[in-house]
Amino acid sequence: MKLSDAFTGALLAALGIAVLLYSRGFPQIHGQEIGPAVFPSVVAAVMLGCGVILMFNGWKARAERPWYEVPDWMRSRRHTGAFITVIAAAIVYILLGDIVGFFIIGSLTLLVLFLVLGVKPVVAVITAIIATAVIWYAFYKLLRVPLPWGIFTAYAF
């Protein structure tokens, strides 16, 4: 789906304003000039500026392009199914990640996505397992991000 830049810019500007207003409520750190609100405020200001520019350019081009246009890929069952599968996989991971655990749900999620996107089954299985192990190592060991163990909680290390 292709939306007008004016509409997209308005959404981006609104999001920037919302983040600016929300970040004003962040607590100040005593003795520090730069607090936790600085980075979100800077990002929000950039978002707001980009949104205004997009709205202006979209408004200028309103006679040349429609406000809404359905792209060719949305007419394809295969591409639409793949898109829906990616969204569903993210939801399934969110719902079952803590229960099943990262290794199982991550591997199954990647396997399903690979198969839906046309990867050969043998390659999909091997790649899903290796990619899950690499992602686990990068996040759990290197970045110290806690990942759910699920049914392997007794074996967590």
N, C-alpha and C. Protein backbone atom coordinates (compact mmCIF):
# COMPACT_ATOMS: atom_id res chain seq x y z
N MET A 1 0.85 -1.15 0.00
CA MET A 1 0.00 0.00 0.00
C MET A 1 0.90 1.22 0.00
N LYS A 2 0.60 2.14 -0.85
CA LYS A 2 1.40 3.35 -0.95
C LYS A 2 0.53 4.53 -0.56
N LEU A 3 0.95 5.22 0.48
CA LEU A 3 0.21 6.37 0.96
C LEU A 3 0.90 7.65 0.50
N SER A 4 0.15 8.70 0.43
CA SER A 4 0.70 10.00 0.06
C SER A 4 1.74 10.43 1.09
N ASP A 5 2.76 11.13 0.62
CA ASP A 5 3.77 11.65 1.53
C ASP A 5 3.17 12.63 2.53
N ALA A 6 2.12 13.31 2.16
CA ALA A 6 1.47 14.25 3.08
C ALA A 6 0.89 13.48 4.28
N PHE A 7 0.25 12.36 4.00
CA PHE A 7 -0.33 11.54 5.07
C PHE A 7 0.76 10.92 5.93
N THR A 8 1.77 10.33 5.29
CA THR A 8 2.88 9.71 6.01
C THR A 8 3.62 10.75 6.85
N GLY A 9 3.83 11.93 6.28
CA GLY A 9 4.48 13.01 7.01
C GLY A 9 3.69 13.46 8.22
N ALA A 10 2.37 13.51 8.08
CA ALA A 10 1.52 13.89 9.21
C ALA A 10 1.64 12.86 10.34
N LEU A 11 1.67 11.56 9.97
CA LEU A 11 1.84 10.53 10.99
C LEU A 11 3.20 10.64 11.68
N LEU A 12 4.24 10.87 10.89
CA LEU A 12 5.59 10.99 11.45
C LEU A 12 5.69 12.22 12.36
N ALA A 13 5.11 13.33 11.93
CA ALA A 13 5.13 14.54 12.75
C ALA A 13 4.35 14.33 14.04
N ALA A 14 3.20 13.66 13.96
CA ALA A 14 2.40 13.39 15.17
C ALA A 14 3.16 12.49 16.13
N LEU A 15 3.85 11.49 15.59
CA LEU A 15 4.66 10.61 16.44
C LEU A 15 5.80 11.40 17.10
N GLY A 16 6.42 12.29 16.34
CA GLY A 16 7.48 13.13 16.90
C GLY A 16 6.97 14.01 18.03
N ILE A 17 5.80 14.59 17.84
CA ILE A 17 5.21 15.43 18.90
C ILE A 17 4.90 14.58 20.13
N ALA A 18 4.33 13.38 19.91
CA ALA A 18 4.00 12.51 21.04
C ALA A 18 5.25 12.13 21.83
N VAL A 19 6.33 11.79 21.14
CA VAL A 19 7.56 11.42 21.83
C VAL A 19 8.14 12.62 22.57
N LEU A 20 8.09 13.80 21.95
CA LEU A 20 8.57 15.01 22.63
C LEU A 20 7.80 15.26 23.92
N LEU A 21 6.48 15.16 23.85
CA LEU A 21 5.67 15.40 25.04
C LEU A 21 5.92 14.33 26.11
N TYR A 22 6.03 13.09 25.68
CA TYR A 22 6.25 12.00 26.63
C TYR A 22 7.61 12.11 27.30
N SER A 23 8.63 12.46 26.53
CA SER A 23 9.99 12.51 27.09
C SER A 23 10.17 13.67 28.06
N ARG A 24 9.30 14.66 28.02
CA ARG A 24 9.39 15.78 28.98
C ARG A 24 9.15 15.29 30.41
N GLY A 25 8.46 14.17 30.55
CA GLY A 25 8.17 13.64 31.87
C GLY A 25 9.26 12.76 32.45
N PHE A 26 10.35 12.55 31.71
CA PHE A 26 11.45 11.74 32.23
C PHE A 26 12.13 12.46 33.38
N PRO A 27 12.57 11.73 34.39
CA PRO A 27 13.18 12.38 35.56
C PRO A 27 14.55 12.98 35.23
N GLN A 28 14.88 14.04 35.93
CA GLN A 28 16.20 14.66 35.79
C GLN A 28 17.19 13.94 36.70
N ILE A 29 18.42 13.85 36.25
CA ILE A 29 19.48 13.27 37.08
C ILE A 29 20.18 14.41 37.79
N HIS A 30 20.22 14.34 39.10
CA HIS A 30 20.81 15.41 39.90
C HIS A 30 22.28 15.60 39.54
N GLY A 31 22.66 16.83 39.26
CA GLY A 31 24.04 17.14 38.96
C GLY A 31 24.43 16.91 37.50
N GLN A 32 23.51 16.51 36.67
CA GLN A 32 23.79 16.24 35.26
C GLN A 32 23.00 17.22 34.39
N GLU A 33 23.66 17.77 33.40
CA GLU A 33 22.95 18.64 32.46
C GLU A 33 22.19 17.82 31.42
N ILE A 34 22.75 16.67 31.07
CA ILE A 34 22.13 15.82 30.07
C ILE A 34 21.46 14.66 30.79
N GLY A 35 20.14 14.59 30.66
CA GLY A 35 19.39 13.54 31.34
C GLY A 35 18.84 12.52 30.35
N PRO A 36 17.99 11.65 30.82
CA PRO A 36 17.45 10.59 29.98
C PRO A 36 16.50 11.08 28.90
N ALA A 37 16.05 12.33 28.97
CA ALA A 37 15.11 12.85 27.97
C ALA A 37 15.80 13.42 26.74
N VAL A 38 17.11 13.61 26.80
CA VAL A 38 17.80 14.30 25.71
C VAL A 38 17.76 13.50 24.40
N PHE A 39 18.17 12.26 24.44
CA PHE A 39 18.22 11.47 23.19
C PHE A 39 16.83 11.29 22.57
N PRO A 40 15.82 10.88 23.35
CA PRO A 40 14.49 10.77 22.73
C PRO A 40 13.98 12.10 22.19
N SER A 41 14.31 13.20 22.86
CA SER A 41 13.86 14.51 22.40
C SER A 41 14.53 14.90 21.08
N VAL A 42 15.80 14.60 20.94
CA VAL A 42 16.51 14.90 19.70
C VAL A 42 15.93 14.07 18.55
N VAL A 43 15.74 12.78 18.80
CA VAL A 43 15.16 11.91 17.77
C VAL A 43 13.75 12.38 17.41
N ALA A 44 12.96 12.77 18.42
CA ALA A 44 11.60 13.25 18.17
C ALA A 44 11.60 14.54 17.36
N ALA A 45 12.54 15.42 17.64
CA ALA A 45 12.63 16.67 16.88
C ALA A 45 12.99 16.40 15.43
N VAL A 46 13.89 15.47 15.19
CA VAL A 46 14.24 15.09 13.82
C VAL A 46 13.03 14.47 13.13
N MET A 47 12.30 13.61 13.83
CA MET A 47 11.10 13.00 13.26
C MET A 47 10.08 14.07 12.91
N LEU A 48 9.89 15.03 13.79
CA LEU A 48 8.95 16.11 13.54
C LEU A 48 9.36 16.93 12.32
N GLY A 49 10.65 17.25 12.24
CA GLY A 49 11.15 18.00 11.08
C GLY A 49 10.98 17.24 9.77
N CYS A 50 11.33 15.97 9.78
CA CYS A 50 11.16 15.14 8.58
C CYS A 50 9.69 15.00 8.21
N GLY A 51 8.83 14.88 9.21
CA GLY A 51 7.40 14.79 8.96
C GLY A 51 6.86 16.04 8.30
N VAL A 52 7.30 17.19 8.77
CA VAL A 52 6.85 18.46 8.17
C VAL A 52 7.33 18.57 6.72
N ILE A 53 8.57 18.18 6.47
CA ILE A 53 9.09 18.21 5.09
C ILE A 53 8.30 17.26 4.20
N LEU A 54 8.02 16.04 4.69
CA LEU A 54 7.23 15.09 3.92
C LEU A 54 5.83 15.62 3.64
N MET A 55 5.20 16.23 4.65
CA MET A 55 3.87 16.79 4.44
C MET A 55 3.89 17.88 3.38
N PHE A 56 4.89 18.75 3.44
CA PHE A 56 5.00 19.84 2.46
C PHE A 56 5.19 19.28 1.05
N ASN A 57 6.11 18.33 0.89
CA ASN A 57 6.35 17.74 -0.44
C ASN A 57 5.14 16.97 -0.94
N GLY A 58 4.46 16.27 -0.06
CA GLY A 58 3.27 15.54 -0.44
C GLY A 58 2.14 16.45 -0.86
N TRP A 59 2.01 17.57 -0.18
CA TRP A 59 0.97 18.53 -0.51
C TRP A 59 1.24 19.16 -1.87
N LYS A 60 2.52 19.44 -2.15
CA LYS A 60 2.87 20.00 -3.46
C LYS A 60 2.58 19.02 -4.59
N ALA A 61 2.79 17.73 -4.36
CA ALA A 61 2.64 16.72 -5.41
C ALA A 61 1.26 16.09 -5.42
N ARG A 62 0.29 16.67 -4.72
CA ARG A 62 -1.03 16.03 -4.60
C ARG A 62 -1.76 15.90 -5.93
N ALA A 63 -1.49 16.75 -6.88
CA ALA A 63 -2.16 16.66 -8.19
C ALA A 63 -1.54 15.56 -9.05
N GLU A 64 -0.27 15.24 -8.81
CA GLU A 64 0.44 14.25 -9.64
C GLU A 64 0.20 12.82 -9.18
N ARG A 65 0.07 12.60 -7.89
CA ARG A 65 -0.06 11.25 -7.35
C ARG A 65 -1.31 11.14 -6.49
N PRO A 66 -1.94 9.95 -6.51
CA PRO A 66 -3.12 9.77 -5.66
C PRO A 66 -2.72 9.68 -4.19
N TRP A 67 -3.71 9.88 -3.30
CA TRP A 67 -3.45 9.80 -1.87
C TRP A 67 -3.17 8.37 -1.42
N TYR A 68 -3.73 7.41 -2.17
CA TYR A 68 -3.59 6.00 -1.79
C TYR A 68 -3.47 5.18 -3.06
N GLU A 69 -2.52 4.25 -3.06
CA GLU A 69 -2.31 3.40 -4.23
C GLU A 69 -1.93 1.99 -3.75
N VAL A 70 -2.58 0.99 -4.33
CA VAL A 70 -2.28 -0.39 -3.99
C VAL A 70 -1.14 -0.88 -4.88
N PRO A 71 0.00 -1.29 -4.27
CA PRO A 71 1.12 -1.76 -5.08
C PRO A 71 0.83 -3.13 -5.71
N ASP A 72 1.61 -3.48 -6.71
CA ASP A 72 1.40 -4.74 -7.43
C ASP A 72 1.55 -5.96 -6.53
N TRP A 73 2.48 -5.92 -5.59
CA TRP A 73 2.73 -7.11 -4.76
C TRP A 73 1.52 -7.47 -3.92
N MET A 74 0.64 -6.51 -3.60
CA MET A 74 -0.53 -6.81 -2.79
C MET A 74 -1.60 -7.57 -3.59
N ARG A 75 -1.44 -7.61 -4.88
CA ARG A 75 -2.37 -8.37 -5.72
C ARG A 75 -1.92 -9.82 -5.87
N SER A 76 -0.73 -10.14 -5.41
CA SER A 76 -0.18 -11.49 -5.50
C SER A 76 -0.49 -12.26 -4.21
N ARG A 77 -1.12 -13.43 -4.36
CA ARG A 77 -1.43 -14.24 -3.19
C ARG A 77 -0.17 -14.67 -2.45
N ARG A 78 0.86 -15.02 -3.18
CA ARG A 78 2.11 -15.47 -2.56
C ARG A 78 2.72 -14.38 -1.70
N HIS A 79 2.81 -13.18 -2.24
CA HIS A 79 3.43 -12.08 -1.50
C HIS A 79 2.57 -11.64 -0.32
N THR A 80 1.27 -11.59 -0.51
CA THR A 80 0.38 -11.22 0.58
C THR A 80 0.44 -12.27 1.69
N GLY A 81 0.47 -13.54 1.30
CA GLY A 81 0.59 -14.62 2.29
C GLY A 81 1.90 -14.54 3.06
N ALA A 82 2.98 -14.23 2.36
CA ALA A 82 4.28 -14.10 3.03
C ALA A 82 4.26 -12.93 4.02
N PHE A 83 3.64 -11.84 3.63
CA PHE A 83 3.54 -10.67 4.50
C PHE A 83 2.75 -11.02 5.76
N ILE A 84 1.61 -11.68 5.59
CA ILE A 84 0.78 -12.07 6.73
C ILE A 84 1.53 -13.07 7.62
N THR A 85 2.30 -13.97 7.01
CA THR A 85 3.07 -14.95 7.77
C THR A 85 4.13 -14.28 8.63
N VAL A 86 4.79 -13.27 8.12
CA VAL A 86 5.80 -12.54 8.90
C VAL A 86 5.15 -11.89 10.12
N ILE A 87 4.01 -11.25 9.93
CA ILE A 87 3.31 -10.61 11.05
C ILE A 87 2.85 -11.68 12.06
N ALA A 88 2.28 -12.78 11.55
CA ALA A 88 1.81 -13.85 12.43
C ALA A 88 2.97 -14.48 13.19
N ALA A 89 4.12 -14.64 12.55
CA ALA A 89 5.28 -15.22 13.22
C ALA A 89 5.74 -14.34 14.37
N ALA A 90 5.72 -13.04 14.18
CA ALA A 90 6.11 -12.13 15.26
C ALA A 90 5.13 -12.23 16.43
N ILE A 91 3.84 -12.32 16.13
CA ILE A 91 2.84 -12.44 17.19
C ILE A 91 2.99 -13.77 17.93
N VAL A 92 3.20 -14.86 17.19
CA VAL A 92 3.38 -16.17 17.82
C VAL A 92 4.62 -16.16 18.71
N TYR A 93 5.71 -15.54 18.25
CA TYR A 93 6.91 -15.46 19.08
C TYR A 93 6.63 -14.70 20.37
N ILE A 94 5.92 -13.60 20.27
CA ILE A 94 5.60 -12.80 21.46
C ILE A 94 4.76 -13.60 22.44
N LEU A 95 3.78 -14.32 21.91
CA LEU A 95 2.87 -15.07 22.78
C LEU A 95 3.49 -16.33 23.38
N LEU A 96 4.33 -17.03 22.61
CA LEU A 96 4.85 -18.32 23.06
C LEU A 96 6.32 -18.31 23.46
N GLY A 97 7.01 -17.20 23.27
CA GLY A 97 8.44 -17.16 23.56
C GLY A 97 8.80 -17.55 24.97
N ASP A 98 8.10 -16.99 25.96
CA ASP A 98 8.40 -17.30 27.35
C ASP A 98 8.03 -18.73 27.72
N ILE A 99 7.01 -19.25 27.10
CA ILE A 99 6.54 -20.60 27.44
C ILE A 99 7.44 -21.66 26.81
N VAL A 100 7.68 -21.54 25.51
CA VAL A 100 8.43 -22.56 24.77
C VAL A 100 9.93 -22.35 24.88
N GLY A 101 10.37 -21.11 24.85
CA GLY A 101 11.80 -20.82 24.91
C GLY A 101 12.34 -20.35 23.57
N PHE A 102 13.42 -19.59 23.65
CA PHE A 102 13.99 -18.98 22.45
C PHE A 102 14.46 -19.99 21.43
N PHE A 103 15.14 -21.04 21.88
CA PHE A 103 15.70 -22.00 20.92
C PHE A 103 14.62 -22.65 20.06
N ILE A 104 13.57 -23.10 20.68
CA ILE A 104 12.53 -23.80 19.92
C ILE A 104 11.72 -22.82 19.08
N ILE A 105 11.20 -21.77 19.71
CA ILE A 105 10.32 -20.85 18.98
C ILE A 105 11.11 -20.08 17.93
N GLY A 106 12.37 -19.75 18.22
CA GLY A 106 13.19 -19.05 17.23
C GLY A 106 13.47 -19.92 16.02
N SER A 107 13.84 -21.16 16.27
CA SER A 107 14.11 -22.08 15.16
C SER A 107 12.86 -22.34 14.33
N LEU A 108 11.74 -22.59 14.99
CA LEU A 108 10.50 -22.84 14.26
C LEU A 108 10.02 -21.61 13.48
N THR A 109 10.16 -20.45 14.10
CA THR A 109 9.76 -19.22 13.42
C THR A 109 10.60 -19.01 12.17
N LEU A 110 11.90 -19.13 12.30
CA LEU A 110 12.77 -18.96 11.14
C LEU A 110 12.50 -20.02 10.08
N LEU A 111 12.27 -21.25 10.50
CA LEU A 111 11.99 -22.32 9.55
C LEU A 111 10.72 -22.02 8.75
N VAL A 112 9.66 -21.63 9.43
CA VAL A 112 8.41 -21.31 8.74
C VAL A 112 8.61 -20.14 7.78
N LEU A 113 9.30 -19.11 8.24
CA LEU A 113 9.54 -17.95 7.37
C LEU A 113 10.37 -18.33 6.15
N PHE A 114 11.41 -19.11 6.35
CA PHE A 114 12.23 -19.54 5.21
C PHE A 114 11.41 -20.34 4.21
N LEU A 115 10.59 -21.26 4.70
CA LEU A 115 9.78 -22.08 3.80
C LEU A 115 8.75 -21.24 3.04
N VAL A 116 8.10 -20.33 3.73
CA VAL A 116 7.11 -19.47 3.09
C VAL A 116 7.77 -18.56 2.04
N LEU A 117 8.98 -18.15 2.31
CA LEU A 117 9.67 -17.26 1.38
C LEU A 117 10.41 -18.01 0.28
N GLY A 118 10.25 -19.32 0.23
CA GLY A 118 10.75 -20.08 -0.92
C GLY A 118 12.10 -20.74 -0.77
N VAL A 119 12.64 -20.83 0.43
CA VAL A 119 13.93 -21.50 0.62
C VAL A 119 13.70 -23.00 0.59
N LYS A 120 14.65 -23.74 0.01
CA LYS A 120 14.53 -25.20 -0.05
C LYS A 120 14.51 -25.77 1.36
N PRO A 121 13.69 -26.82 1.60
CA PRO A 121 13.50 -27.34 2.97
C PRO A 121 14.78 -27.71 3.70
N VAL A 122 15.70 -28.40 3.07
CA VAL A 122 16.93 -28.81 3.75
C VAL A 122 17.75 -27.58 4.15
N VAL A 123 17.88 -26.67 3.24
CA VAL A 123 18.61 -25.43 3.52
C VAL A 123 17.90 -24.63 4.61
N ALA A 124 16.58 -24.61 4.58
CA ALA A 124 15.80 -23.87 5.57
C ALA A 124 16.02 -24.43 6.97
N VAL A 125 16.01 -25.74 7.12
CA VAL A 125 16.20 -26.36 8.44
C VAL A 125 17.59 -26.05 8.99
N ILE A 126 18.60 -26.26 8.17
CA ILE A 126 19.99 -26.02 8.61
C ILE A 126 20.20 -24.55 8.94
N THR A 127 19.74 -23.68 8.08
CA THR A 127 19.93 -22.24 8.30
C THR A 127 19.16 -21.76 9.52
N ALA A 128 17.95 -22.27 9.73
CA ALA A 128 17.16 -21.85 10.90
C ALA A 128 17.87 -22.23 12.20
N ILE A 129 18.42 -23.43 12.25
CA ILE A 129 19.10 -23.88 13.47
C ILE A 129 20.38 -23.08 13.71
N ILE A 130 21.18 -22.92 12.67
CA ILE A 130 22.43 -22.16 12.82
C ILE A 130 22.16 -20.70 13.15
N ALA A 131 21.20 -20.10 12.45
CA ALA A 131 20.88 -18.68 12.70
C ALA A 131 20.37 -18.48 14.12
N THR A 132 19.55 -19.39 14.61
CA THR A 132 19.05 -19.28 15.99
C THR A 132 20.21 -19.35 16.98
N ALA A 133 21.15 -20.26 16.75
CA ALA A 133 22.31 -20.38 17.63
C ALA A 133 23.17 -19.12 17.59
N VAL A 134 23.38 -18.57 16.43
CA VAL A 134 24.19 -17.35 16.29
C VAL A 134 23.49 -16.16 16.96
N ILE A 135 22.18 -16.04 16.74
CA ILE A 135 21.42 -14.95 17.36
C ILE A 135 21.45 -15.09 18.88
N TRP A 136 21.26 -16.32 19.38
CA TRP A 136 21.31 -16.55 20.82
C TRP A 136 22.67 -16.13 21.37
N TYR A 137 23.75 -16.56 20.73
CA TYR A 137 25.09 -16.23 21.20
C TYR A 137 25.31 -14.71 21.20
N ALA A 138 24.92 -14.07 20.12
CA ALA A 138 25.13 -12.62 20.01
C ALA A 138 24.36 -11.87 21.09
N PHE A 139 23.11 -12.23 21.30
CA PHE A 139 22.30 -11.49 22.27
C PHE A 139 22.55 -11.94 23.71
N TYR A 140 22.56 -13.24 23.95
CA TYR A 140 22.64 -13.74 25.32
C TYR A 140 24.05 -13.63 25.88
N LYS A 141 25.04 -14.03 25.11
CA LYS A 141 26.41 -14.06 25.62
C LYS A 141 27.14 -12.71 25.43
N LEU A 142 27.07 -12.16 24.23
CA LEU A 142 27.84 -10.94 23.96
C LEU A 142 27.16 -9.68 24.48
N LEU A 143 25.86 -9.52 24.21
CA LEU A 143 25.15 -8.31 24.60
C LEU A 143 24.46 -8.42 25.96
N ARG A 144 24.46 -9.62 26.54
CA ARG A 144 23.86 -9.87 27.85
C ARG A 144 22.36 -9.54 27.89
N VAL A 145 21.68 -9.82 26.79
CA VAL A 145 20.23 -9.63 26.72
C VAL A 145 19.58 -10.94 27.16
N PRO A 146 18.73 -10.90 28.18
CA PRO A 146 18.10 -12.14 28.62
C PRO A 146 17.08 -12.63 27.60
N LEU A 147 17.22 -13.87 27.20
CA LEU A 147 16.28 -14.49 26.28
C LEU A 147 15.52 -15.58 27.02
N PRO A 148 14.28 -15.82 26.66
CA PRO A 148 13.49 -16.82 27.40
C PRO A 148 14.01 -18.24 27.20
N TRP A 149 14.09 -18.99 28.29
CA TRP A 149 14.53 -20.38 28.22
C TRP A 149 13.36 -21.33 28.05
N GLY A 150 12.17 -20.93 28.49
CA GLY A 150 10.99 -21.78 28.33
C GLY A 150 11.16 -23.12 29.00
N ILE A 151 10.96 -24.19 28.23
CA ILE A 151 11.03 -25.54 28.80
C ILE A 151 12.45 -25.95 29.17
N PHE A 152 13.45 -25.17 28.76
CA PHE A 152 14.84 -25.49 29.10
C PHE A 152 15.32 -24.69 30.32
N THR A 153 14.41 -24.16 31.13
CA THR A 153 14.79 -23.34 32.27
C THR A 153 15.73 -24.07 33.22
N ALA A 154 15.55 -25.34 33.41
CA ALA A 154 16.41 -26.10 34.32
C ALA A 154 17.83 -26.21 33.79
N TYR A 155 18.01 -26.03 32.48
CA TYR A 155 19.34 -26.17 31.87
C TYR A 155 19.99 -24.83 31.55
N ALA A 156 19.40 -23.74 31.99
CA ALA A 156 19.93 -22.41 31.68
C ALA A 156 21.34 -22.25 32.23
N PHE A 157 22.19 -21.67 31.40
CA PHE A 157 23.57 -21.43 31.84
C PHE A 157 24.01 -20.05 31.49
